[in-house]
Amino acid sequence: MPHSEWSSVGSYPDRVAAAVVLGLLAANDVPGRISSDETIPGLTTFVSVDVPTELLPRARSIMQSARVPDNELTYLATHELPQGPTED
């Protein structure tokens, strides 16, 4: 089913975090797409996940119930632990 109007469900620091969100939405039967202002690979300041406008309330509900911080999204996507203070 083609969707004519899309709306942003959120903005993210990078494509990896956006891809994790896209996967979460897809697992809940909400189609989505990633959009960004990337004109040169690796140079982007804006990454968002868009969903069909008619599914925006459902997508927001899914995102609200997930409440996953950006650093956890990055960990889930890359399996790299976030950098933080170390104990001596």
C-alpha atoms as a PDB file:
ATOM      1  CA  MET A   1       0.000   0.000   0.000  1.00  0.00           C
ATOM      2  CA  PRO A   2       1.674   3.250  -1.076  1.00  0.00           C
ATOM      3  CA  HIS A   3       1.720   6.122   1.401  1.00  0.00           C
ATOM      4  CA  SER A   4       1.438   9.636   0.053  1.00  0.00           C
ATOM      5  CA  GLU A   5       2.197  11.612   3.219  1.00  0.00           C
ATOM      6  CA  TRP A   6       4.977  10.921   5.703  1.00  0.00           C
ATOM      7  CA  SER A   7       5.721  12.536   9.072  1.00  0.00           C
ATOM      8  CA  SER A   8       8.779  12.412  11.310  1.00  0.00           C
ATOM      9  CA  VAL A   9       8.503  10.332  14.458  1.00  0.00           C
ATOM     10  CA  GLY A  10      11.912  11.462  15.724  1.00  0.00           C
ATOM     11  CA  SER A  11      15.402  12.780  14.985  1.00  0.00           C
ATOM     12  CA  TYR A  12      18.569  10.876  15.839  1.00  0.00           C
ATOM     13  CA  PRO A  13      22.307  11.554  16.078  1.00  0.00           C
ATOM     14  CA  ASP A  14      23.221   9.114  13.293  1.00  0.00           C
ATOM     15  CA  ARG A  15      21.910   6.527  10.837  1.00  0.00           C
ATOM     16  CA  VAL A  16      22.719   3.654  13.189  1.00  0.00           C
ATOM     17  CA  ALA A  17      20.356   4.926  15.888  1.00  0.00           C
ATOM     18  CA  ALA A  18      17.699   5.694  13.280  1.00  0.00           C
ATOM     19  CA  ALA A  19      18.013   2.165  11.870  1.00  0.00           C
ATOM     20  CA  VAL A  20      17.401   0.659  15.301  1.00  0.00           C
ATOM     21  CA  VAL A  21      14.243   2.776  15.670  1.00  0.00           C
ATOM     22  CA  LEU A  22      13.163   1.757  12.183  1.00  0.00           C
ATOM     23  CA  GLY A  23      13.598  -1.885  13.218  1.00  0.00           C
ATOM     24  CA  LEU A  24      11.529  -1.356  16.364  1.00  0.00           C
ATOM     25  CA  LEU A  25       8.716   0.165  14.326  1.00  0.00           C
ATOM     26  CA  ALA A  26       8.915  -2.583  11.694  1.00  0.00           C
ATOM     27  CA  ALA A  27       8.701  -5.225  14.425  1.00  0.00           C
ATOM     28  CA  ASN A  28       5.414  -3.591  15.413  1.00  0.00           C
ATOM     29  CA  ASP A  29       4.086  -3.527  11.828  1.00  0.00           C
ATOM     30  CA  VAL A  30       4.674   0.194  11.291  1.00  0.00           C
ATOM     31  CA  PRO A  31       6.454   0.911   7.991  1.00  0.00           C
ATOM     32  CA  GLY A  32       9.039   3.647   8.008  1.00  0.00           C
ATOM     33  CA  ARG A  33      11.933   5.222   6.200  1.00  0.00           C
ATOM     34  CA  ILE A  34      15.084   7.125   7.114  1.00  0.00           C
ATOM     35  CA  SER A  35      15.600  10.626   5.777  1.00  0.00           C
ATOM     36  CA  SER A  36      18.611  12.875   6.196  1.00  0.00           C
ATOM     37  CA  ASP A  37      20.363  15.912   4.788  1.00  0.00           C
ATOM     38  CA  GLU A  38      23.413  13.849   3.812  1.00  0.00           C
ATOM     39  CA  THR A  39      24.739  15.143   0.493  1.00  0.00           C
ATOM     40  CA  ILE A  40      28.259  13.778   0.991  1.00  0.00           C
ATOM     41  CA  PRO A  41      28.675  10.357   2.650  1.00  0.00           C
ATOM     42  CA  GLY A  42      29.533  10.811   6.311  1.00  0.00           C
ATOM     43  CA  LEU A  43      28.554  14.486   6.458  1.00  0.00           C
ATOM     44  CA  THR A  44      25.097  14.738   7.946  1.00  0.00           C
ATOM     45  CA  THR A  45      23.504  16.913  10.588  1.00  0.00           C
ATOM     46  CA  PHE A  46      19.938  15.628  10.381  1.00  0.00           C
ATOM     47  CA  VAL A  47      18.668  12.029  10.476  1.00  0.00           C
ATOM     48  CA  SER A  48      15.026  11.260  11.093  1.00  0.00           C
ATOM     49  CA  VAL A  49      12.649   8.336  10.927  1.00  0.00           C
ATOM     50  CA  ASP A  50       9.486   9.016   8.981  1.00  0.00           C
ATOM     51  CA  VAL A  51       6.264   7.016   9.075  1.00  0.00           C
ATOM     52  CA  PRO A  52       3.032   7.304   7.133  1.00  0.00           C
ATOM     53  CA  THR A  53       1.110  10.218   8.659  1.00  0.00           C
ATOM     54  CA  GLU A  54      -1.920   8.052   9.381  1.00  0.00           C
ATOM     55  CA  LEU A  55       0.289   5.780  11.538  1.00  0.00           C
ATOM     56  CA  LEU A  56       2.034   8.604  13.413  1.00  0.00           C
ATOM     57  CA  PRO A  57      -0.019   8.213  16.638  1.00  0.00           C
ATOM     58  CA  ARG A  58       0.726   4.469  16.703  1.00  0.00           C
ATOM     59  CA  ALA A  59       4.437   5.057  16.038  1.00  0.00           C
ATOM     60  CA  ARG A  60       4.614   7.659  18.823  1.00  0.00           C
ATOM     61  CA  SER A  61       2.945   5.215  21.208  1.00  0.00           C
ATOM     62  CA  ILE A  62       5.485   2.529  20.332  1.00  0.00           C
ATOM     63  CA  MET A  63       8.353   4.970  20.813  1.00  0.00           C
ATOM     64  CA  GLN A  64       6.942   6.216  24.123  1.00  0.00           C
ATOM     65  CA  SER A  65       6.618   2.691  25.495  1.00  0.00           C
ATOM     66  CA  ALA A  66      10.141   1.794  24.350  1.00  0.00           C
ATOM     67  CA  ARG A  67      11.887   4.879  25.864  1.00  0.00           C
ATOM     68  CA  VAL A  68      15.314   3.789  24.699  1.00  0.00           C
ATOM     69  CA  PRO A  69      18.060   6.438  25.138  1.00  0.00           C
ATOM     70  CA  ASP A  70      20.292   7.259  22.151  1.00  0.00           C
ATOM     71  CA  ASN A  71      23.362   5.630  23.716  1.00  0.00           C
ATOM     72  CA  GLU A  72      21.429   2.367  24.167  1.00  0.00           C
ATOM     73  CA  LEU A  73      20.214   2.524  20.565  1.00  0.00           C
ATOM     74  CA  THR A  74      23.816   2.860  19.447  1.00  0.00           C
ATOM     75  CA  TYR A  75      24.844  -0.077  21.649  1.00  0.00           C
ATOM     76  CA  LEU A  76      22.041  -2.252  20.260  1.00  0.00           C
ATOM     77  CA  ALA A  77      23.121  -1.422  16.719  1.00  0.00           C
ATOM     78  CA  THR A  78      26.910  -1.637  17.134  1.00  0.00           C
ATOM     79  CA  HIS A  79      27.446  -3.716  20.300  1.00  0.00           C
ATOM     80  CA  GLU A  80      29.964  -1.097  21.438  1.00  0.00           C
ATOM     81  CA  LEU A  81      29.741  -0.064  25.071  1.00  0.00           C
ATOM     82  CA  PRO A  82      29.307   3.676  25.639  1.00  0.00           C
ATOM     83  CA  GLN A  83      32.401   5.505  26.844  1.00  0.00           C
ATOM     84  CA  GLY A  84      32.138   6.772  30.391  1.00  0.00           C
ATOM     85  CA  PRO A  85      34.174   7.428  33.483  1.00  0.00           C
ATOM     86  CA  THR A  86      36.380   4.575  34.578  1.00  0.00           C
ATOM     87  CA  GLU A  87      36.936   3.502  38.164  1.00  0.00           C
ATOM     88  CA  ASP A  88      40.464   3.126  39.519  1.00  0.00           C
END
